Amino acid sequence: MHATAAGYIILISIYLPMEKQSHEPTNQDILEAINAYAAATDQRFDGIDQRLDKMDTRLTKVESQMVTKEYLDDKLADLRGDILTVIRKEDRRVSQLIDFLFDKKVLSDNEVKTLGELQPLKY
């Protein structure tokens, strides 16, 4: 038996009503079985299309909420700028405090020099 003929027999046995399977299949029987198979295949593809549409919707939502590298770089640069501003203010306060303590003879020249070397930002 030829492979194509075997395939038609399987199609007919699955998709042709039982009362028509008792005799040798006609061309019409084969066409009906092929049509039934095609309809079942179309239904499966419709189900797959619906699932893909749902996934596409979800992917679009994720993409719309996703942070881009450019956005992240901008935010990190802003944060770095804010942190440096705070550090500079604190650095000025510490420098002023060191000057006050030096003027009041609480700190020696060596101590002022050592503390000056420890400052995070040099002006």
PDB file of N, CA and C in Angstrom:
ATOM      1  N   MET A   1       0.849  -1.175   0.000  1.00  0.00           N
ATOM      2  CA  MET A   1       0.000   0.000   0.000  1.00  0.00           C
ATOM      3  C   MET A   1       0.895   1.237   0.000  1.00  0.00           C
ATOM      4  N   HIS A   2       0.567   2.200  -0.761  1.00  0.00           N
ATOM      5  CA  HIS A   2       1.314   3.445  -0.898  1.00  0.00           C
ATOM      6  C   HIS A   2       1.118   4.291   0.368  1.00  0.00           C
ATOM      7  N   ALA A   3       2.135   5.050   0.747  1.00  0.00           N
ATOM      8  CA  ALA A   3       2.072   5.846   1.979  1.00  0.00           C
ATOM      9  C   ALA A   3       0.926   6.843   1.946  1.00  0.00           C
ATOM     10  N   THR A   4       0.651   7.448   0.805  1.00  0.00           N
ATOM     11  CA  THR A   4      -0.436   8.418   0.702  1.00  0.00           C
ATOM     12  C   THR A   4      -1.782   7.728   0.899  1.00  0.00           C
ATOM     13  N   ALA A   5      -1.920   6.553   0.358  1.00  0.00           N
ATOM     14  CA  ALA A   5      -3.164   5.802   0.518  1.00  0.00           C
ATOM     15  C   ALA A   5      -3.365   5.442   1.983  1.00  0.00           C
ATOM     16  N   ALA A   6      -2.296   5.070   2.667  1.00  0.00           N
ATOM     17  CA  ALA A   6      -2.404   4.751   4.092  1.00  0.00           C
ATOM     18  C   ALA A   6      -2.834   5.984   4.874  1.00  0.00           C
ATOM     19  N   GLY A   7      -2.318   7.142   4.480  1.00  0.00           N
ATOM     20  CA  GLY A   7      -2.713   8.379   5.152  1.00  0.00           C
ATOM     21  C   GLY A   7      -4.183   8.675   4.959  1.00  0.00           C
ATOM     22  N   TYR A   8      -4.710   8.411   3.742  1.00  0.00           N
ATOM     23  CA  TYR A   8      -6.134   8.639   3.487  1.00  0.00           C
ATOM     24  C   TYR A   8      -6.990   7.699   4.320  1.00  0.00           C
ATOM     25  N   ILE A   9      -6.541   6.475   4.462  1.00  0.00           N
ATOM     26  CA  ILE A   9      -7.303   5.504   5.255  1.00  0.00           C
ATOM     27  C   ILE A   9      -7.371   5.958   6.713  1.00  0.00           C
ATOM     28  N   ILE A  10      -6.259   6.453   7.220  1.00  0.00           N
ATOM     29  CA  ILE A  10      -6.267   6.954   8.611  1.00  0.00           C
ATOM     30  C   ILE A  10      -7.194   8.152   8.724  1.00  0.00           C
ATOM     31  N   LEU A  11      -7.113   9.094   7.770  1.00  0.00           N
ATOM     32  CA  LEU A  11      -8.005  10.252   7.778  1.00  0.00           C
ATOM     33  C   LEU A  11      -9.460   9.819   7.739  1.00  0.00           C
ATOM     34  N   ILE A  12      -9.761   8.873   6.868  1.00  0.00           N
ATOM     35  CA  ILE A  12     -11.137   8.413   6.718  1.00  0.00           C
ATOM     36  C   ILE A  12     -11.611   7.750   8.002  1.00  0.00           C
ATOM     37  N   SER A  13     -10.768   6.943   8.619  1.00  0.00           N
ATOM     38  CA  SER A  13     -11.191   6.234   9.833  1.00  0.00           C
ATOM     39  C   SER A  13     -11.431   7.205  10.988  1.00  0.00           C
ATOM     40  N   ILE A  14     -10.743   8.336  10.981  1.00  0.00           N
ATOM     41  CA  ILE A  14     -10.917   9.297  12.075  1.00  0.00           C
ATOM     42  C   ILE A  14     -12.050  10.270  11.786  1.00  0.00           C
ATOM     43  N   TYR A  15     -12.132  10.764  10.552  1.00  0.00           N
ATOM     44  CA  TYR A  15     -13.031  11.876  10.254  1.00  0.00           C
ATOM     45  C   TYR A  15     -14.277  11.514   9.442  1.00  0.00           C
ATOM     46  N   LEU A  16     -14.433  10.283   9.055  1.00  0.00           N
ATOM     47  CA  LEU A  16     -15.604   9.877   8.287  1.00  0.00           C
ATOM     48  C   LEU A  16     -16.572   9.149   9.221  1.00  0.00           C
ATOM     49  N   PRO A  17     -17.876   9.443   9.121  1.00  0.00           N
ATOM     50  CA  PRO A  17     -18.846   8.756   9.990  1.00  0.00           C
ATOM     51  C   PRO A  17     -18.777   7.237   9.826  1.00  0.00           C
ATOM     52  N   MET A  18     -19.095   6.513  10.879  1.00  0.00           N
ATOM     53  CA  MET A  18     -18.981   5.048  10.901  1.00  0.00           C
ATOM     54  C   MET A  18     -19.792   4.381   9.793  1.00  0.00           C
ATOM     55  N   GLU A  19     -20.970   4.886   9.493  1.00  0.00           N
ATOM     56  CA  GLU A  19     -21.797   4.219   8.485  1.00  0.00           C
ATOM     57  C   GLU A  19     -21.167   4.267   7.088  1.00  0.00           C
ATOM     58  N   LYS A  20     -20.284   5.242   6.856  1.00  0.00           N
ATOM     59  CA  LYS A  20     -19.628   5.330   5.551  1.00  0.00           C
ATOM     60  C   LYS A  20     -18.298   4.570   5.531  1.00  0.00           C
ATOM     61  N   GLN A  21     -17.848   4.084   6.667  1.00  0.00           N
ATOM     62  CA  GLN A  21     -16.573   3.372   6.720  1.00  0.00           C
ATOM     63  C   GLN A  21     -16.715   1.887   6.381  1.00  0.00           C
ATOM     64  N   SER A  22     -17.917   1.393   6.197  1.00  0.00           N
ATOM     65  CA  SER A  22     -18.131  -0.030   5.953  1.00  0.00           C
ATOM     66  C   SER A  22     -17.831  -0.439   4.511  1.00  0.00           C
ATOM     67  N   HIS A  23     -17.695   0.493   3.624  1.00  0.00           N
ATOM     68  CA  HIS A  23     -17.419   0.152   2.224  1.00  0.00           C
ATOM     69  C   HIS A  23     -16.126   0.837   1.775  1.00  0.00           C
ATOM     70  N   GLU A  24     -15.693   0.484   0.585  1.00  0.00           N
ATOM     71  CA  GLU A  24     -14.485   1.094   0.010  1.00  0.00           C
ATOM     72  C   GLU A  24     -14.747   2.594  -0.155  1.00  0.00           C
ATOM     73  N   PRO A  25     -13.826   3.457   0.348  1.00  0.00           N
ATOM     74  CA  PRO A  25     -14.093   4.901   0.286  1.00  0.00           C
ATOM     75  C   PRO A  25     -14.087   5.428  -1.147  1.00  0.00           C
ATOM     76  N   THR A  26     -15.023   6.282  -1.388  1.00  0.00           N
ATOM     77  CA  THR A  26     -15.093   6.934  -2.693  1.00  0.00           C
ATOM     78  C   THR A  26     -14.298   8.230  -2.633  1.00  0.00           C
ATOM     79  N   ASN A  27     -14.134   8.848  -3.778  1.00  0.00           N
ATOM     80  CA  ASN A  27     -13.451  10.148  -3.803  1.00  0.00           C
ATOM     81  C   ASN A  27     -14.190  11.160  -2.932  1.00  0.00           C
ATOM     82  N   GLN A  28     -15.515  11.100  -2.952  1.00  0.00           N
ATOM     83  CA  GLN A  28     -16.315  12.013  -2.130  1.00  0.00           C
ATOM     84  C   GLN A  28     -16.045  11.761  -0.647  1.00  0.00           C
ATOM     85  N   ASP A  29     -15.947  10.485  -0.256  1.00  0.00           N
ATOM     86  CA  ASP A  29     -15.651  10.146   1.135  1.00  0.00           C
ATOM     87  C   ASP A  29     -14.284  10.705   1.538  1.00  0.00           C
ATOM     88  N   ILE A  30     -13.320  10.579   0.659  1.00  0.00           N
ATOM     89  CA  ILE A  30     -11.965  11.081   0.940  1.00  0.00           C
ATOM     90  C   ILE A  30     -11.993  12.602   1.081  1.00  0.00           C
ATOM     91  N   LEU A  31     -12.715  13.276   0.188  1.00  0.00           N
ATOM     92  CA  LEU A  31     -12.822  14.740   0.254  1.00  0.00           C
ATOM     93  C   LEU A  31     -13.509  15.185   1.550  1.00  0.00           C
ATOM     94  N   GLU A  32     -14.543  14.476   1.956  1.00  0.00           N
ATOM     95  CA  GLU A  32     -15.239  14.811   3.206  1.00  0.00           C
ATOM     96  C   GLU A  32     -14.306  14.624   4.410  1.00  0.00           C
ATOM     97  N   ALA A  33     -13.526  13.556   4.386  1.00  0.00           N
ATOM     98  CA  ALA A  33     -12.580  13.316   5.478  1.00  0.00           C
ATOM     99  C   ALA A  33     -11.510  14.393   5.507  1.00  0.00           C
ATOM    100  N   ILE A  34     -11.022  14.776   4.332  1.00  0.00           N
ATOM    101  CA  ILE A  34     -10.001  15.835   4.264  1.00  0.00           C
ATOM    102  C   ILE A  34     -10.593  17.154   4.755  1.00  0.00           C
ATOM    103  N   ASN A  35     -11.838  17.450   4.355  1.00  0.00           N
ATOM    104  CA  ASN A  35     -12.494  18.678   4.827  1.00  0.00           C
ATOM    105  C   ASN A  35     -12.681  18.668   6.346  1.00  0.00           C
ATOM    106  N   ALA A  36     -13.076  17.523   6.878  1.00  0.00           N
ATOM    107  CA  ALA A  36     -13.248  17.425   8.332  1.00  0.00           C
ATOM    108  C   ALA A  36     -11.908  17.620   9.036  1.00  0.00           C
ATOM    109  N   TYR A  37     -10.867  17.034   8.476  1.00  0.00           N
ATOM    110  CA  TYR A  37      -9.513  17.194   9.042  1.00  0.00           C
ATOM    111  C   TYR A  37      -9.076  18.659   8.974  1.00  0.00           C
ATOM    112  N   ALA A  38      -9.337  19.295   7.838  1.00  0.00           N
ATOM    113  CA  ALA A  38      -8.957  20.701   7.671  1.00  0.00           C
ATOM    114  C   ALA A  38      -9.712  21.577   8.669  1.00  0.00           C
ATOM    115  N   ALA A  39     -10.997  21.288   8.882  1.00  0.00           N
ATOM    116  CA  ALA A  39     -11.791  22.075   9.836  1.00  0.00           C
ATOM    117  C   ALA A  39     -11.234  21.910  11.256  1.00  0.00           C
ATOM    118  N   ALA A  40     -10.878  20.680  11.619  1.00  0.00           N
ATOM    119  CA  ALA A  40     -10.305  20.438  12.955  1.00  0.00           C
ATOM    120  C   ALA A  40      -8.966  21.156  13.099  1.00  0.00           C
ATOM    121  N   THR A  41      -8.169  21.131  12.033  1.00  0.00           N
ATOM    122  CA  THR A  41      -6.866  21.816  12.061  1.00  0.00           C
ATOM    123  C   THR A  41      -7.065  23.321  12.184  1.00  0.00           C
ATOM    124  N   ASP A  42      -8.054  23.872  11.467  1.00  0.00           N
ATOM    125  CA  ASP A  42      -8.353  25.305  11.569  1.00  0.00           C
ATOM    126  C   ASP A  42      -8.743  25.684  12.995  1.00  0.00           C
ATOM    127  N   GLN A  43      -9.520  24.833  13.641  1.00  0.00           N
ATOM    128  CA  GLN A  43      -9.914  25.104  15.030  1.00  0.00           C
ATOM    129  C   GLN A  43      -8.690  25.143  15.942  1.00  0.00           C
ATOM    130  N   ARG A  44      -7.777  24.223  15.718  1.00  0.00           N
ATOM    131  CA  ARG A  44      -6.557  24.214  16.533  1.00  0.00           C
ATOM    132  C   ARG A  44      -5.756  25.487  16.307  1.00  0.00           C
ATOM    133  N   PHE A  45      -5.627  25.909  15.036  1.00  0.00           N
ATOM    134  CA  PHE A  45      -4.894  27.138  14.731  1.00  0.00           C
ATOM    135  C   PHE A  45      -5.599  28.356  15.318  1.00  0.00           C
ATOM    136  N   ASP A  46      -6.938  28.348  15.327  1.00  0.00           N
ATOM    137  CA  ASP A  46      -7.669  29.463  15.944  1.00  0.00           C
ATOM    138  C   ASP A  46      -7.333  29.556  17.431  1.00  0.00           C
ATOM    139  N   GLY A  47      -7.254  28.404  18.092  1.00  0.00           N
ATOM    140  CA  GLY A  47      -6.882  28.388  19.508  1.00  0.00           C
ATOM    141  C   GLY A  47      -5.473  28.913  19.726  1.00  0.00           C
ATOM    142  N   ILE A  48      -4.578  28.516  18.844  1.00  0.00           N
ATOM    143  CA  ILE A  48      -3.182  28.992  18.939  1.00  0.00           C
ATOM    144  C   ILE A  48      -3.131  30.495  18.687  1.00  0.00           C
ATOM    145  N   ASP A  49      -3.894  30.976  17.702  1.00  0.00           N
ATOM    146  CA  ASP A  49      -3.939  32.415  17.421  1.00  0.00           C
ATOM    147  C   ASP A  49      -4.432  33.202  18.630  1.00  0.00           C
ATOM    148  N   GLN A  50      -5.457  32.682  19.296  1.00  0.00           N
ATOM    149  CA  GLN A  50      -5.978  33.368  20.488  1.00  0.00           C
ATOM    150  C   GLN A  50      -4.919  33.424  21.588  1.00  0.00           C
ATOM    151  N   ARG A  51      -4.212  32.331  21.788  1.00  0.00           N
ATOM    152  CA  ARG A  51      -3.153  32.316  22.810  1.00  0.00           C
ATOM    153  C   ARG A  51      -2.038  33.287  22.445  1.00  0.00           C
ATOM    154  N   LEU A  52      -1.655  33.333  21.174  1.00  0.00           N
ATOM    155  CA  LEU A  52      -0.612  34.262  20.741  1.00  0.00           C
ATOM    156  C   LEU A  52      -1.064  35.716  20.903  1.00  0.00           C
ATOM    157  N   ASP A  53      -2.337  35.986  20.634  1.00  0.00           N
ATOM    158  CA  ASP A  53      -2.860  37.341  20.825  1.00  0.00           C
ATOM    159  C   ASP A  53      -2.765  37.757  22.295  1.00  0.00           C
ATOM    160  N   LYS A  54      -3.102  36.836  23.202  1.00  0.00           N
ATOM    161  CA  LYS A  54      -3.003  37.122  24.637  1.00  0.00           C
ATOM    162  C   LYS A  54      -1.543  37.386  25.027  1.00  0.00           C
ATOM    163  N   MET A  55      -0.646  36.566  24.494  1.00  0.00           N
ATOM    164  CA  MET A  55       0.771  36.750  24.806  1.00  0.00           C
ATOM    165  C   MET A  55       1.279  38.070  24.247  1.00  0.00           C
ATOM    166  N   ASP A  56       0.819  38.444  23.068  1.00  0.00           N
ATOM    167  CA  ASP A  56       1.219  39.715  22.465  1.00  0.00           C
ATOM    168  C   ASP A  56       0.735  40.881  23.318  1.00  0.00           C
ATOM    169  N   THR A  57      -0.482  40.783  23.820  1.00  0.00           N
ATOM    170  CA  THR A  57      -1.021  41.823  24.702  1.00  0.00           C
ATOM    171  C   THR A  57      -0.182  41.933  25.969  1.00  0.00           C
ATOM    172  N   ARG A  58       0.150  40.802  26.554  1.00  0.00           N
ATOM    173  CA  ARG A  58       0.964  40.811  27.775  1.00  0.00           C
ATOM    174  C   ARG A  58       2.356  41.372  27.503  1.00  0.00           C
ATOM    175  N   LEU A  59       2.950  40.987  26.375  1.00  0.00           N
ATOM    176  CA  LEU A  59       4.274  41.477  26.018  1.00  0.00           C
ATOM    177  C   LEU A  59       4.261  42.988  25.799  1.00  0.00           C
ATOM    178  N   THR A  60       3.232  43.488  25.152  1.00  0.00           N
ATOM    179  CA  THR A  60       3.102  44.931  24.936  1.00  0.00           C
ATOM    180  C   THR A  60       3.013  45.661  26.277  1.00  0.00           C
ATOM    181  N   LYS A  61       2.277  45.087  27.219  1.00  0.00           N
ATOM    182  CA  LYS A  61       2.150  45.698  28.549  1.00  0.00           C
ATOM    183  C   LYS A  61       3.503  45.711  29.258  1.00  0.00           C
ATOM    184  N   VAL A  62       4.219  44.609  29.194  1.00  0.00           N
ATOM    185  CA  VAL A  62       5.540  44.535  29.838  1.00  0.00           C
ATOM    186  C   VAL A  62       6.492  45.537  29.203  1.00  0.00           C
ATOM    187  N   GLU A  63       6.490  45.617  27.876  1.00  0.00           N
ATOM    188  CA  GLU A  63       7.370  46.561  27.183  1.00  0.00           C
ATOM    189  C   GLU A  63       7.059  47.997  27.562  1.00  0.00           C
ATOM    190  N   SER A  64       5.767  48.315  27.751  1.00  0.00           N
ATOM    191  CA  SER A  64       5.389  49.690  28.081  1.00  0.00           C
ATOM    192  C   SER A  64       5.819  50.068  29.495  1.00  0.00           C
ATOM    193  N   GLN A  65       5.951  49.088  30.368  1.00  0.00           N
ATOM    194  CA  GLN A  65       6.348  49.359  31.754  1.00  0.00           C
ATOM    195  C   GLN A  65       7.841  49.175  31.988  1.00  0.00           C
ATOM    196  N   MET A  66       8.522  48.645  31.007  1.00  0.00           N
ATOM    197  CA  MET A  66       9.931  48.316  31.164  1.00  0.00           C
ATOM    198  C   MET A  66      10.788  49.583  31.144  1.00  0.00           C
ATOM    199  N   VAL A  67      11.801  49.587  31.970  1.00  0.00           N
ATOM    200  CA  VAL A  67      12.733  50.698  32.050  1.00  0.00           C
ATOM    201  C   VAL A  67      13.804  50.509  30.975  1.00  0.00           C
ATOM    202  N   THR A  68      14.085  51.586  30.243  1.00  0.00           N
ATOM    203  CA  THR A  68      15.124  51.501  29.220  1.00  0.00           C
ATOM    204  C   THR A  68      16.476  51.820  29.836  1.00  0.00           C
ATOM    205  N   LYS A  69      17.527  51.445  29.163  1.00  0.00           N
ATOM    206  CA  LYS A  69      18.886  51.725  29.630  1.00  0.00           C
ATOM    207  C   LYS A  69      19.120  53.224  29.695  1.00  0.00           C
ATOM    208  N   GLU A  70      18.632  53.948  28.704  1.00  0.00           N
ATOM    209  CA  GLU A  70      18.806  55.402  28.683  1.00  0.00           C
ATOM    210  C   GLU A  70      18.130  56.060  29.884  1.00  0.00           C
ATOM    211  N   TYR A  71      16.913  55.631  30.203  1.00  0.00           N
ATOM    212  CA  TYR A  71      16.190  56.161  31.355  1.00  0.00           C
ATOM    213  C   TYR A  71      16.950  55.868  32.640  1.00  0.00           C
ATOM    214  N   LEU A  72      17.429  54.638  32.757  1.00  0.00           N
ATOM    215  CA  LEU A  72      18.173  54.240  33.950  1.00  0.00           C
ATOM    216  C   LEU A  72      19.470  55.036  34.081  1.00  0.00           C
ATOM    217  N   ASP A  73      20.178  55.233  32.971  1.00  0.00           N
ATOM    218  CA  ASP A  73      21.405  56.030  32.997  1.00  0.00           C
ATOM    219  C   ASP A  73      21.121  57.456  33.458  1.00  0.00           C
ATOM    220  N   ASP A  74      20.036  58.046  32.948  1.00  0.00           N
ATOM    221  CA  ASP A  74      19.669  59.409  33.354  1.00  0.00           C
ATOM    222  C   ASP A  74      19.363  59.477  34.848  1.00  0.00           C
ATOM    223  N   LYS A  75      18.604  58.520  35.339  1.00  0.00           N
ATOM    224  CA  LYS A  75      18.249  58.521  36.765  1.00  0.00           C
ATOM    225  C   LYS A  75      19.482  58.316  37.644  1.00  0.00           C
ATOM    226  N   LEU A  76      20.387  57.439  37.224  1.00  0.00           N
ATOM    227  CA  LEU A  76      21.614  57.226  37.997  1.00  0.00           C
ATOM    228  C   LEU A  76      22.496  58.473  37.996  1.00  0.00           C
ATOM    229  N   ALA A  77      22.546  59.172  36.875  1.00  0.00           N
ATOM    230  CA  ALA A  77      23.323  60.414  36.800  1.00  0.00           C
ATOM    231  C   ALA A  77      22.713  61.466  37.719  1.00  0.00           C
ATOM    232  N   ASP A  78      21.384  61.553  37.735  1.00  0.00           N
ATOM    233  CA  ASP A  78      20.714  62.496  38.638  1.00  0.00           C
ATOM    234  C   ASP A  78      21.011  62.155  40.087  1.00  0.00           C
ATOM    235  N   LEU A  79      20.937  60.885  40.421  1.00  0.00           N
ATOM    236  CA  LEU A  79      21.200  60.448  41.792  1.00  0.00           C
ATOM    237  C   LEU A  79      22.637  60.744  42.193  1.00  0.00           C
ATOM    238  N   ARG A  80      23.559  60.485  41.283  1.00  0.00           N
ATOM    239  CA  ARG A  80      24.972  60.774  41.560  1.00  0.00           C
ATOM    240  C   ARG A  80      25.162  62.262  41.823  1.00  0.00           C
ATOM    241  N   GLY A  81      24.515  63.098  41.023  1.00  0.00           N
ATOM    242  CA  GLY A  81      24.600  64.543  41.221  1.00  0.00           C
ATOM    243  C   GLY A  81      24.046  64.958  42.570  1.00  0.00           C
ATOM    244  N   ASP A  82      22.907  64.371  42.953  1.00  0.00           N
ATOM    245  CA  ASP A  82      22.306  64.686  44.261  1.00  0.00           C
ATOM    246  C   ASP A  82      23.225  64.261  45.405  1.00  0.00           C
ATOM    247  N   ILE A  83      23.809  63.092  45.283  1.00  0.00           N
ATOM    248  CA  ILE A  83      24.709  62.596  46.332  1.00  0.00           C
ATOM    249  C   ILE A  83      25.939  63.486  46.446  1.00  0.00           C
ATOM    250  N   LEU A  84      26.508  63.875  45.306  1.00  0.00           N
ATOM    251  CA  LEU A  84      27.687  64.756  45.345  1.00  0.00           C
ATOM    252  C   LEU A  84      27.358  66.101  45.980  1.00  0.00           C
ATOM    253  N   THR A  85      26.171  66.627  45.723  1.00  0.00           N
ATOM    254  CA  THR A  85      25.753  67.890  46.333  1.00  0.00           C
ATOM    255  C   THR A  85      25.704  67.756  47.851  1.00  0.00           C
ATOM    256  N   VAL A  86      25.130  66.682  48.344  1.00  0.00           N
ATOM    257  CA  VAL A  86      25.045  66.454  49.794  1.00  0.00           C
ATOM    258  C   VAL A  86      26.450  66.290  50.380  1.00  0.00           C
ATOM    259  N   ILE A  87      27.308  65.546  49.707  1.00  0.00           N
ATOM    260  CA  ILE A  87      28.674  65.334  50.209  1.00  0.00           C
ATOM    261  C   ILE A  87      29.433  66.655  50.257  1.00  0.00           C
ATOM    262  N   ARG A  88      29.282  67.486  49.239  1.00  0.00           N
ATOM    263  CA  ARG A  88      29.973  68.789  49.227  1.00  0.00           C
ATOM    264  C   ARG A  88      29.531  69.667  50.391  1.00  0.00           C
ATOM    265  N   LYS A  89      28.208  69.679  50.665  1.00  0.00           N
ATOM    266  CA  LYS A  89      27.701  70.473  51.797  1.00  0.00           C
ATOM    267  C   LYS A  89      28.299  69.985  53.101  1.00  0.00           C
ATOM    268  N   GLU A  90      28.306  68.678  53.280  1.00  0.00           N
ATOM    269  CA  GLU A  90      28.868  68.118  54.513  1.00  0.00           C
ATOM    270  C   GLU A  90      30.368  68.374  54.589  1.00  0.00           C
ATOM    271  N   ASP A  91      31.040  68.280  53.459  1.00  0.00           N
ATOM    272  CA  ASP A  91      32.483  68.524  53.416  1.00  0.00           C
ATOM    273  C   ASP A  91      32.785  69.963  53.836  1.00  0.00           C
ATOM    274  N   ARG A  92      31.969  70.906  53.340  1.00  0.00           N
ATOM    275  CA  ARG A  92      32.176  72.310  53.741  1.00  0.00           C
ATOM    276  C   ARG A  92      31.938  72.488  55.230  1.00  0.00           C
ATOM    277  N   ARG A  93      30.946  71.817  55.762  1.00  0.00           N
ATOM    278  CA  ARG A  93      30.660  71.925  57.207  1.00  0.00           C
ATOM    279  C   ARG A  93      31.829  71.382  58.029  1.00  0.00           C
ATOM    280  N   VAL A  94      32.339  70.225  57.606  1.00  0.00           N
ATOM    281  CA  VAL A  94      33.465  69.628  58.340  1.00  0.00           C
ATOM    282  C   VAL A  94      34.695  70.533  58.238  1.00  0.00           C
ATOM    283  N   SER A  95      34.948  71.082  57.057  1.00  0.00           N
ATOM    284  CA  SER A  95      36.096  71.985  56.887  1.00  0.00           C
ATOM    285  C   SER A  95      35.942  73.209  57.772  1.00  0.00           C
ATOM    286  N   GLN A  96      34.744  73.745  57.826  1.00  0.00           N
ATOM    287  CA  GLN A  96      34.500  74.921  58.679  1.00  0.00           C
ATOM    288  C   GLN A  96      34.696  74.562  60.150  1.00  0.00           C
ATOM    289  N   LEU A  97      34.228  73.399  60.548  1.00  0.00           N
ATOM    290  CA  LEU A  97      34.395  72.956  61.931  1.00  0.00           C
ATOM    291  C   LEU A  97      35.870  72.779  62.269  1.00  0.00           C
ATOM    292  N   ILE A  98      36.631  72.213  61.334  1.00  0.00           N
ATOM    293  CA  ILE A  98      38.076  72.052  61.548  1.00  0.00           C
ATOM    294  C   ILE A  98      38.722  73.421  61.724  1.00  0.00           C
ATOM    295  N   ASP A  99      38.340  74.389  60.910  1.00  0.00           N
ATOM    296  CA  ASP A  99      38.887  75.748  61.028  1.00  0.00           C
ATOM    297  C   ASP A  99      38.544  76.364  62.386  1.00  0.00           C
ATOM    298  N   PHE A 100      37.299  76.184  62.804  1.00  0.00           N
ATOM    299  CA  PHE A 100      36.897  76.725  64.105  1.00  0.00           C
ATOM    300  C   PHE A 100      37.720  76.109  65.234  1.00  0.00           C
ATOM    301  N   LEU A 101      37.869  74.787  65.183  1.00  0.00           N
ATOM    302  CA  LEU A 101      38.618  74.100  66.239  1.00  0.00           C
ATOM    303  C   LEU A 101      40.103  74.475  66.196  1.00  0.00           C
ATOM    304  N   PHE A 102      40.636  74.720  65.030  1.00  0.00           N
ATOM    305  CA  PHE A 102      42.027  75.148  64.914  1.00  0.00           C
ATOM    306  C   PHE A 102      42.198  76.557  65.494  1.00  0.00           C
ATOM    307  N   ASP A 103      41.246  77.468  65.132  1.00  0.00           N
ATOM    308  CA  ASP A 103      41.299  78.843  65.640  1.00  0.00           C
ATOM    309  C   ASP A 103      41.198  78.884  67.161  1.00  0.00           C
ATOM    310  N   LYS A 104      40.483  77.954  67.764  1.00  0.00           N
ATOM    311  CA  LYS A 104      40.327  77.909  69.220  1.00  0.00           C
ATOM    312  C   LYS A 104      41.432  77.094  69.875  1.00  0.00           C
ATOM    313  N   LYS A 105      42.408  76.697  69.070  1.00  0.00           N
ATOM    314  CA  LYS A 105      43.573  75.960  69.560  1.00  0.00           C
ATOM    315  C   LYS A 105      43.211  74.591  70.138  1.00  0.00           C
ATOM    316  N   VAL A 106      42.128  74.017  69.618  1.00  0.00           N
ATOM    317  CA  VAL A 106      41.743  72.664  70.030  1.00  0.00           C
ATOM    318  C   VAL A 106      42.502  71.646  69.182  1.00  0.00           C
ATOM    319  N   LEU A 107      42.760  71.997  67.911  1.00  0.00           N
ATOM    320  CA  LEU A 107      43.488  71.114  67.010  1.00  0.00           C
ATOM    321  C   LEU A 107      44.845  71.731  66.677  1.00  0.00           C
ATOM    322  N   SER A 108      45.839  70.842  66.514  1.00  0.00           N
ATOM    323  CA  SER A 108      47.177  71.312  66.132  1.00  0.00           C
ATOM    324  C   SER A 108      47.284  71.390  64.613  1.00  0.00           C
ATOM    325  N   ASP A 109      48.390  71.960  64.123  1.00  0.00           N
ATOM    326  CA  ASP A 109      48.622  72.044  62.683  1.00  0.00           C
ATOM    327  C   ASP A 109      48.652  70.649  62.047  1.00  0.00           C
ATOM    328  N   ASN A 110      49.323  69.704  62.716  1.00  0.00           N
ATOM    329  CA  ASN A 110      49.390  68.324  62.206  1.00  0.00           C
ATOM    330  C   ASN A 110      48.006  67.691  62.113  1.00  0.00           C
ATOM    331  N   GLU A 111      47.175  67.895  63.120  1.00  0.00           N
ATOM    332  CA  GLU A 111      45.822  67.320  63.127  1.00  0.00           C
ATOM    333  C   GLU A 111      44.970  67.937  62.015  1.00  0.00           C
ATOM    334  N   VAL A 112      45.098  69.247  61.790  1.00  0.00           N
ATOM    335  CA  VAL A 112      44.352  69.906  60.724  1.00  0.00           C
ATOM    336  C   VAL A 112      44.795  69.368  59.368  1.00  0.00           C
ATOM    337  N   LYS A 113      46.120  69.185  59.218  1.00  0.00           N
ATOM    338  CA  LYS A 113      46.648  68.650  57.961  1.00  0.00           C
ATOM    339  C   LYS A 113      46.135  67.225  57.723  1.00  0.00           C
ATOM    340  N   THR A 114      46.160  66.386  58.753  1.00  0.00           N
ATOM    341  CA  THR A 114      45.681  65.008  58.638  1.00  0.00           C
ATOM    342  C   THR A 114      44.198  64.968  58.303  1.00  0.00           C
ATOM    343  N   LEU A 115      43.403  65.789  58.984  1.00  0.00           N
ATOM    344  CA  LEU A 115      41.961  65.821  58.695  1.00  0.00           C
ATOM    345  C   LEU A 115      41.687  66.355  57.287  1.00  0.00           C
ATOM    346  N   GLY A 116      42.486  67.303  56.842  1.00  0.00           N
ATOM    347  CA  GLY A 116      42.332  67.837  55.487  1.00  0.00           C
ATOM    348  C   GLY A 116      42.602  66.792  54.425  1.00  0.00           C
ATOM    349  N   GLU A 117      43.529  65.894  54.688  1.00  0.00           N
ATOM    350  CA  GLU A 117      43.822  64.828  53.738  1.00  0.00           C
ATOM    351  C   GLU A 117      42.711  63.775  53.673  1.00  0.00           C
ATOM    352  N   LEU A 118      41.893  63.711  54.701  1.00  0.00           N
ATOM    353  CA  LEU A 118      40.810  62.725  54.750  1.00  0.00           C
ATOM    354  C   LEU A 118      39.525  63.204  54.089  1.00  0.00           C
ATOM    355  N   GLN A 119      39.478  64.450  53.672  1.00  0.00           N
ATOM    356  CA  GLN A 119      38.255  64.987  53.070  1.00  0.00           C
ATOM    357  C   GLN A 119      37.939  64.229  51.786  1.00  0.00           C
ATOM    358  N   PRO A 120      36.648  63.923  51.577  1.00  0.00           N
ATOM    359  CA  PRO A 120      36.264  63.159  50.371  1.00  0.00           C
ATOM    360  C   PRO A 120      36.415  63.941  49.066  1.00  0.00           C
ATOM    361  N   LEU A 121      36.242  65.247  49.132  1.00  0.00           N
ATOM    362  CA  LEU A 121      36.333  66.075  47.917  1.00  0.00           C
ATOM    363  C   LEU A 121      37.361  67.164  48.146  1.00  0.00           C
ATOM    364  N   LYS A 122      38.251  67.324  47.226  1.00  0.00           N
ATOM    365  CA  LYS A 122      39.249  68.395  47.317  1.00  0.00           C
ATOM    366  C   LYS A 122      38.783  69.536  46.423  1.00  0.00           C
ATOM    367  N   TYR A 123      38.912  70.749  46.926  1.00  0.00           N
ATOM    368  CA  TYR A 123      38.484  71.917  46.137  1.00  0.00           C
ATOM    369  C   TYR A 123      39.651  72.493  45.387  1.00  0.00           C
TER     370      TYR A 123
END
